[in-house]
Amino acid sequence: MILTKLSLHQYTIDLDRLLPVGKQRIDERHGLVLCATINSGTDERTEQVEIAPLSGIDVDGHQLTGFSQHSLLQTSAQLSEYLAALYQQPADKLLDFADTSEQNAIAYGLSLLHAKLMGSLDGHSLEVRTIPLIYRNQDEPLTAVAERVAALANNIHAVKVKVAQTSLEDEIQLIHQILAIRPDLKLRLDANRGFELQQAIEFIACIPIHAIEYIEEPCSRPADNPIFYNAIGAPWALDESLNDPHYQFEMQAGLCAIIIKPMLLGSLQKLQSLQHLATEHGVRSILSSSLEASLGIAALSRLASIMTPDEVPGIDTLSAFSQDLVQSTGKAKCLQLSDLQLLLALD
């Protein structure tokens, strides 16, 4: 299987509403689409993958922090070098470059492209399962959030709620309002390391603990998370901690889940190794998006059905995108490769 055609494209998609990146907000998403064709002499197959590091500028003109360590420009530059070396080479060479790249978005994208070209994702239904994301926009009244909660379908039994964004009082009120409207909901809270230890304890003490499925990264100092659990008994999950290049899985008191964001973590092999370690310790693995467009979300949905079939992935961000990307979800406009900026073409 030889890589006979390679092309790299860049997209920009405006968002219909702001999306949270930690405590920051973005109003557009930038990324790349890598397209490859393999030829075995008799058969030909073409696949595309989205490669979109979570970096860039927020709505206030500040650099996004705490997520991808490389800019889109750095990613496109390294990919262009790799593609020149991969052209007319066996498809398995994609895995060699995925293993050696220091950029996790590239490692993930190349390994995913190999899996798609080899048909490893074929036959897995694209059943879209999501946990709705609830967050309060700046200066938005609580009544607007309440309306979104009231509009949730009856078969939705869990939501993800961004916390540690505003005042403790407002967020405690928000949680109680959500549960007053839908007392059956389980809450996946996401603090993005926004609380000091005592704040996290006080916050959880003021809401019904039975309604909490877990809270992601409750404390600004990750070392405080087990202390938080011992003090209040609320299970917690790791998210940003996994982005640390020196992170090694370690079981800790109260750790119940790891939130795996492939675009930030690296190759499929790395993801699977981390998942196996977590499973051995009874810790759940939940796949989650890094605010990809529809092409990336479709791949995540398929991966989740393979890697974590019993878990609902965290991919409820597409509704904010004004356009689809290659893979249509029914929006009025679906960008095709011809609509994107061509950065490199080898054929």
Protein backbone atom coordinates (compact mmCIF):
# COMPACT_ATOMS: atom_id res chain seq x y z
CA MET A 1 0.00 0.00 0.00
CA ILE A 2 1.80 3.09 -1.31
CA LEU A 3 0.93 6.71 -0.50
CA THR A 4 0.40 8.00 -4.03
CA LYS A 5 -1.37 11.30 -3.29
CA LEU A 6 -1.01 13.63 -0.32
CA SER A 7 -2.49 17.07 0.25
CA LEU A 8 -2.74 19.47 3.17
CA HIS A 9 -5.50 22.05 3.52
CA GLN A 10 -6.32 24.75 6.08
CA TYR A 11 -9.78 25.78 7.31
CA THR A 12 -11.29 28.58 9.35
CA ILE A 13 -14.85 28.22 10.63
CA ASP A 14 -16.75 30.95 12.47
CA LEU A 15 -18.66 29.90 15.57
CA ASP A 16 -22.30 30.85 16.05
CA ARG A 17 -21.66 31.23 19.77
CA LEU A 18 -18.56 31.46 21.92
CA LEU A 19 -17.01 28.18 23.05
CA PRO A 20 -15.10 27.83 26.34
CA VAL A 21 -11.44 26.84 26.34
CA GLY A 22 -10.79 26.65 30.06
CA LYS A 23 -11.71 30.12 31.30
CA GLN A 24 -11.08 31.64 27.88
CA ARG A 25 -13.49 31.88 24.95
CA ILE A 26 -13.07 31.52 21.18
CA ASP A 27 -15.31 32.69 18.33
CA GLU A 28 -13.68 30.79 15.46
CA ARG A 29 -11.82 27.51 14.95
CA HIS A 30 -8.78 26.96 12.77
CA GLY A 31 -7.30 23.65 11.70
CA LEU A 32 -5.94 21.42 8.96
CA VAL A 33 -7.28 18.62 6.81
CA LEU A 34 -4.79 15.99 5.65
CA CYS A 35 -5.90 13.95 2.65
CA ALA A 36 -4.12 10.77 1.51
CA THR A 37 -4.63 8.18 -1.23
CA ILE A 38 -3.10 4.70 -1.14
CA ASN A 39 -2.73 2.35 -4.08
CA SER A 40 -2.06 -1.37 -3.94
CA GLY A 41 -1.76 -1.77 -7.68
CA THR A 42 -5.36 -2.89 -8.10
CA ASP A 43 -7.25 -0.92 -5.44
CA GLU A 44 -7.21 2.73 -4.43
CA ARG A 45 -8.52 4.34 -1.25
CA THR A 46 -8.67 7.97 -0.15
CA GLU A 47 -9.24 9.24 3.40
CA GLN A 48 -9.13 12.57 5.22
CA VAL A 49 -8.34 13.47 8.82
CA GLU A 50 -8.67 16.70 10.75
CA ILE A 51 -5.58 17.92 12.61
CA ALA A 52 -6.42 20.91 14.80
CA PRO A 53 -4.19 21.80 17.75
CA LEU A 54 -6.13 23.68 20.43
CA SER A 55 -4.07 26.85 20.32
CA GLY A 56 -4.34 30.35 18.92
CA ILE A 57 -6.00 33.55 20.11
CA ASP A 58 -9.11 34.01 22.27
CA VAL A 59 -11.80 36.67 21.83
CA ASP A 60 -9.81 39.09 24.00
CA GLY A 61 -6.68 38.75 21.89
CA HIS A 62 -4.80 36.55 24.36
CA GLN A 63 -2.98 33.32 23.58
CA LEU A 64 -4.87 30.16 24.55
CA THR A 65 -3.03 28.49 27.42
CA GLY A 66 -3.02 25.05 28.99
CA PHE A 67 -3.88 22.97 25.95
CA SER A 68 -1.85 22.38 22.75
CA GLN A 69 1.79 23.39 23.03
CA HIS A 70 2.23 24.11 19.31
CA SER A 71 0.67 26.69 17.02
CA LEU A 72 -1.19 25.86 13.84
CA LEU A 73 1.72 27.37 11.87
CA GLN A 74 4.20 25.04 13.59
CA THR A 75 1.91 22.09 12.94
CA SER A 76 1.46 22.86 9.25
CA ALA A 77 5.22 23.40 8.82
CA GLN A 78 6.13 20.06 10.36
CA LEU A 79 3.39 18.24 8.47
CA SER A 80 4.62 19.70 5.18
CA GLU A 81 8.09 18.30 5.89
CA TYR A 82 6.66 14.91 6.82
CA LEU A 83 4.46 14.69 3.73
CA ALA A 84 7.41 15.35 1.44
CA ALA A 85 9.18 12.39 3.06
CA LEU A 86 6.07 10.18 3.03
CA TYR A 87 5.17 10.66 -0.63
CA GLN A 88 5.40 7.38 -2.59
CA GLN A 89 6.29 5.50 0.62
CA PRO A 90 4.42 2.54 2.20
CA ALA A 91 1.41 3.63 4.27
CA ASP A 92 2.93 2.02 7.38
CA LYS A 93 5.49 4.84 7.36
CA LEU A 94 2.69 7.03 8.74
CA LEU A 95 3.08 5.19 12.05
CA ASP A 96 6.84 5.77 12.10
CA PHE A 97 6.32 9.52 11.81
CA ALA A 98 3.49 9.40 14.37
CA ASP A 99 5.84 7.73 16.85
CA THR A 100 8.63 10.27 16.38
CA SER A 101 6.66 13.53 16.19
CA GLU A 102 6.87 15.78 19.24
CA GLN A 103 3.56 17.35 18.26
CA ASN A 104 0.68 15.35 19.72
CA ALA A 105 -1.86 16.63 17.19
CA ILE A 106 0.33 15.33 14.37
CA ALA A 107 0.96 12.00 16.11
CA TYR A 108 -2.77 11.52 16.54
CA GLY A 109 -3.62 12.64 13.01
CA LEU A 110 -1.07 10.41 11.28
CA SER A 111 -1.99 7.33 13.32
CA LEU A 112 -5.69 8.01 12.73
CA LEU A 113 -5.07 8.43 9.00
CA HIS A 114 -3.29 5.07 8.93
CA ALA A 115 -6.19 3.42 10.77
CA LYS A 116 -8.71 4.88 8.32
CA LEU A 117 -6.68 3.89 5.26
CA MET A 118 -6.34 0.34 6.60
CA GLY A 119 -10.09 0.14 7.20
CA SER A 120 -9.74 -0.23 10.97
CA LEU A 121 -12.64 2.15 11.57
CA ASP A 122 -14.90 0.56 8.95
CA GLY A 123 -18.06 -1.18 10.09
CA HIS A 124 -18.46 0.87 13.25
CA SER A 125 -21.72 2.75 13.18
CA LEU A 126 -21.60 6.52 13.41
CA GLU A 127 -24.13 6.68 16.22
CA VAL A 128 -23.80 10.13 17.71
CA ARG A 129 -23.98 9.89 21.50
CA THR A 130 -23.25 13.03 23.44
CA ILE A 131 -23.33 14.51 26.90
CA PRO A 132 -24.78 18.04 26.51
CA LEU A 133 -22.42 20.82 27.54
CA ILE A 134 -23.93 23.48 29.79
CA TYR A 135 -22.06 26.71 30.40
CA ARG A 136 -22.92 30.33 31.04
CA ASN A 137 -21.74 32.93 28.56
CA GLN A 138 -20.39 36.23 29.84
CA ASP A 139 -23.20 38.48 31.11
CA GLU A 140 -25.78 35.84 30.17
CA PRO A 141 -28.78 35.67 32.55
CA LEU A 142 -29.36 32.43 34.42
CA THR A 143 -32.79 32.25 32.82
CA ALA A 144 -31.16 31.68 29.42
CA VAL A 145 -29.22 28.71 30.78
CA ALA A 146 -32.40 27.42 32.42
CA GLU A 147 -34.17 27.51 29.06
CA ARG A 148 -31.44 25.35 27.51
CA VAL A 149 -31.73 22.84 30.35
CA ALA A 150 -35.52 22.74 30.06
CA ALA A 151 -35.17 22.03 26.34
CA LEU A 152 -33.07 18.88 26.91
CA ALA A 153 -34.65 15.67 25.63
CA ASN A 154 -36.09 13.31 28.23
CA ASN A 155 -33.62 10.58 27.24
CA ILE A 156 -30.71 12.80 28.33
CA HIS A 157 -29.69 11.73 31.82
CA ALA A 158 -26.32 13.46 32.25
CA VAL A 159 -24.85 16.86 31.41
CA LYS A 160 -21.42 18.44 31.58
CA VAL A 161 -21.36 21.77 33.41
CA LYS A 162 -18.49 24.27 33.31
CA VAL A 163 -17.73 25.59 36.81
CA ALA A 164 -15.03 27.76 38.43
CA GLN A 165 -15.81 30.37 35.78
CA THR A 166 -17.66 33.02 37.79
CA SER A 167 -18.51 33.48 41.49
CA LEU A 168 -19.16 30.52 43.80
CA GLU A 169 -22.58 31.92 44.65
CA ASP A 170 -23.67 32.18 41.01
CA GLU A 171 -22.43 28.71 40.15
CA ILE A 172 -24.06 27.10 43.18
CA GLN A 173 -27.29 28.81 42.12
CA LEU A 174 -26.79 27.50 38.57
CA ILE A 175 -26.37 23.90 39.76
CA HIS A 176 -29.46 24.09 41.95
CA GLN A 177 -31.43 25.60 39.07
CA ILE A 178 -30.38 22.78 36.73
CA LEU A 179 -31.41 20.15 39.27
CA ALA A 180 -34.69 21.93 40.03
CA ILE A 181 -35.60 21.67 36.34
CA ARG A 182 -34.21 18.16 35.84
CA PRO A 183 -33.65 16.42 39.20
CA ASP A 184 -32.84 13.17 37.37
CA LEU A 185 -29.66 14.55 35.79
CA LYS A 186 -26.19 13.40 36.78
CA LEU A 187 -23.58 16.13 36.60
CA ARG A 188 -20.12 15.95 35.08
CA LEU A 189 -18.62 19.13 36.48
CA ASP A 190 -15.54 20.64 34.82
CA ALA A 191 -13.49 23.05 36.91
CA ASN A 192 -10.40 23.26 34.67
CA ARG A 193 -8.23 23.63 37.80
CA GLY A 194 -10.17 26.78 38.64
CA PHE A 195 -10.63 26.25 42.40
CA GLU A 196 -8.24 26.49 45.28
CA LEU A 197 -8.59 23.45 47.55
CA GLN A 198 -10.84 25.14 50.10
CA GLN A 199 -13.00 26.71 47.37
CA ALA A 200 -13.52 23.29 45.77
CA ILE A 201 -14.56 21.79 49.10
CA GLU A 202 -16.95 24.69 49.84
CA PHE A 203 -18.46 24.48 46.37
CA ILE A 204 -19.19 20.76 46.53
CA ALA A 205 -20.49 21.08 50.10
CA CYS A 206 -23.23 23.39 48.82
CA ILE A 207 -24.64 21.08 46.12
CA PRO A 208 -26.21 17.60 46.32
CA ILE A 209 -23.26 15.21 46.15
CA HIS A 210 -25.46 12.34 44.95
CA ALA A 211 -26.03 14.27 41.71
CA ILE A 212 -22.31 14.52 40.94
CA GLU A 213 -20.91 11.88 38.59
CA TYR A 214 -17.46 13.46 38.96
CA ILE A 215 -15.69 16.81 38.82
CA GLU A 216 -12.83 17.28 36.35
CA GLU A 217 -9.62 18.82 37.70
CA PRO A 218 -11.22 20.38 40.80
CA CYS A 219 -8.06 21.95 42.25
CA SER A 220 -5.54 24.42 40.88
CA ARG A 221 -2.83 22.18 42.37
CA PRO A 222 -3.45 18.61 41.12
CA ALA A 223 -1.71 17.26 44.22
CA ASP A 224 -4.67 18.61 46.24
CA ASN A 225 -7.23 16.44 44.41
CA PRO A 226 -6.92 13.42 46.76
CA ILE A 227 -7.12 15.78 49.76
CA PHE A 228 -10.28 17.26 48.25
CA TYR A 229 -11.76 13.76 47.90
CA ASN A 230 -10.88 12.76 51.46
CA ALA A 231 -12.50 15.96 52.75
CA ILE A 232 -15.79 15.88 50.83
CA GLY A 233 -16.11 12.45 49.15
CA ALA A 234 -16.75 13.70 45.61
CA PRO A 235 -15.12 11.60 42.86
CA TRP A 236 -12.87 13.48 40.47
CA ALA A 237 -11.38 13.07 37.00
CA LEU A 238 -8.17 14.09 35.27
CA ASP A 239 -8.15 16.16 32.08
CA GLU A 240 -5.46 18.87 31.73
CA SER A 241 -3.01 16.78 33.77
CA LEU A 242 -2.83 14.30 30.91
CA ASN A 243 -1.42 17.06 28.66
CA ASP A 244 1.77 17.24 30.73
CA PRO A 245 4.49 15.55 28.63
CA HIS A 246 5.82 13.98 31.84
CA TYR A 247 2.45 12.60 32.98
CA GLN A 248 2.48 8.99 34.16
CA PHE A 249 -0.72 7.29 35.30
CA GLU A 250 -0.88 6.90 39.07
CA MET A 251 -3.89 5.73 41.05
CA GLN A 252 -4.99 8.27 43.66
CA ALA A 253 -7.81 8.50 46.20
CA GLY A 254 -11.05 9.53 44.51
CA LEU A 255 -9.80 9.30 40.91
CA CYS A 256 -12.66 7.74 38.94
CA ALA A 257 -12.08 8.78 35.31
CA ILE A 258 -9.56 10.13 32.84
CA ILE A 259 -10.75 12.43 30.07
CA ILE A 260 -8.84 11.45 26.93
CA LYS A 261 -8.57 14.19 24.30
CA PRO A 262 -6.74 12.48 21.43
CA MET A 263 -5.81 15.71 19.64
CA LEU A 264 -3.90 16.79 22.74
CA LEU A 265 -2.45 13.43 23.79
CA GLY A 266 -0.97 11.78 20.70
CA SER A 267 -1.05 8.55 18.75
CA LEU A 268 -3.75 5.91 18.97
CA GLN A 269 -1.21 3.51 20.46
CA LYS A 270 -0.48 5.99 23.26
CA LEU A 271 -4.20 6.43 23.93
CA GLN A 272 -4.76 2.68 24.12
CA SER A 273 -1.83 2.18 26.50
CA LEU A 274 -3.18 4.89 28.81
CA GLN A 275 -6.66 3.40 28.66
CA HIS A 276 -5.39 -0.07 29.56
CA LEU A 277 -3.51 1.28 32.58
CA ALA A 278 -6.59 3.13 33.79
CA THR A 279 -8.83 0.10 33.31
CA GLU A 280 -6.47 -2.05 35.39
CA HIS A 281 -7.12 0.32 38.30
CA GLY A 282 -10.88 0.52 37.80
CA VAL A 283 -10.71 4.04 36.34
CA ARG A 284 -13.01 4.95 33.46
CA SER A 285 -11.68 6.34 30.19
CA ILE A 286 -13.88 8.89 28.42
CA LEU A 287 -13.00 10.24 24.99
CA SER A 288 -13.54 13.96 24.53
CA SER A 289 -13.13 16.52 21.78
CA SER A 290 -10.68 19.38 21.59
CA LEU A 291 -13.34 21.47 19.84
CA GLU A 292 -12.80 19.83 16.45
CA ALA A 293 -15.08 20.45 13.49
CA SER A 294 -17.39 17.74 12.11
CA LEU A 295 -14.65 15.70 10.39
CA GLY A 296 -12.77 15.32 13.66
CA ILE A 297 -15.91 14.69 15.69
CA ALA A 298 -16.97 11.88 13.32
CA ALA A 299 -13.61 10.18 13.87
CA LEU A 300 -13.91 10.60 17.65
CA SER A 301 -17.38 9.09 17.60
CA ARG A 302 -16.10 6.03 15.74
CA LEU A 303 -13.09 5.70 18.05
CA ALA A 304 -15.36 5.91 21.09
CA SER A 305 -17.54 3.09 19.75
CA ILE A 306 -14.39 0.94 19.45
CA MET A 307 -12.35 1.95 22.51
CA THR A 308 -15.03 2.89 25.04
CA PRO A 309 -18.34 1.39 23.85
CA ASP A 310 -19.91 1.67 27.31
CA GLU A 311 -19.08 5.36 27.75
CA VAL A 312 -20.72 8.39 26.14
CA PRO A 313 -17.99 10.61 24.67
CA GLY A 314 -17.71 14.33 25.32
CA ILE A 315 -18.33 15.68 21.82
CA ASP A 316 -21.22 18.13 22.27
CA THR A 317 -19.65 21.20 20.66
CA LEU A 318 -20.65 20.94 16.99
CA SER A 319 -23.82 22.97 17.42
CA ALA A 320 -21.65 26.08 17.87
CA PHE A 321 -20.02 25.65 14.44
CA SER A 322 -21.51 27.69 11.59
CA GLN A 323 -20.38 25.13 8.98
CA ASP A 324 -19.54 21.46 8.70
CA LEU A 325 -16.15 20.23 7.52
CA VAL A 326 -16.07 17.48 4.84
CA GLN A 327 -18.38 15.28 6.96
CA SER A 328 -21.93 16.66 6.88
CA THR A 329 -24.09 16.76 9.99
CA GLY A 330 -26.91 18.59 8.22
CA LYS A 331 -25.74 22.19 8.47
CA ALA A 332 -26.61 24.52 5.60
CA LYS A 333 -22.98 24.59 4.44
CA CYS A 334 -20.48 21.71 4.46
CA LEU A 335 -16.98 22.79 3.46
CA GLN A 336 -15.27 20.49 0.96
CA LEU A 337 -11.56 20.30 0.21
CA SER A 338 -12.04 22.67 -2.72
CA ASP A 339 -13.36 25.32 -0.30
CA LEU A 340 -10.21 25.21 1.85
CA GLN A 341 -6.81 26.86 1.48
CA LEU A 342 -4.46 24.41 -0.22
CA LEU A 343 -1.09 24.36 1.55
CA LEU A 344 0.57 21.41 -0.20
CA ALA A 345 -0.28 18.89 -2.91
CA LEU A 346 1.82 15.87 -3.90
CA ASP A 347 0.50 13.70 -6.72
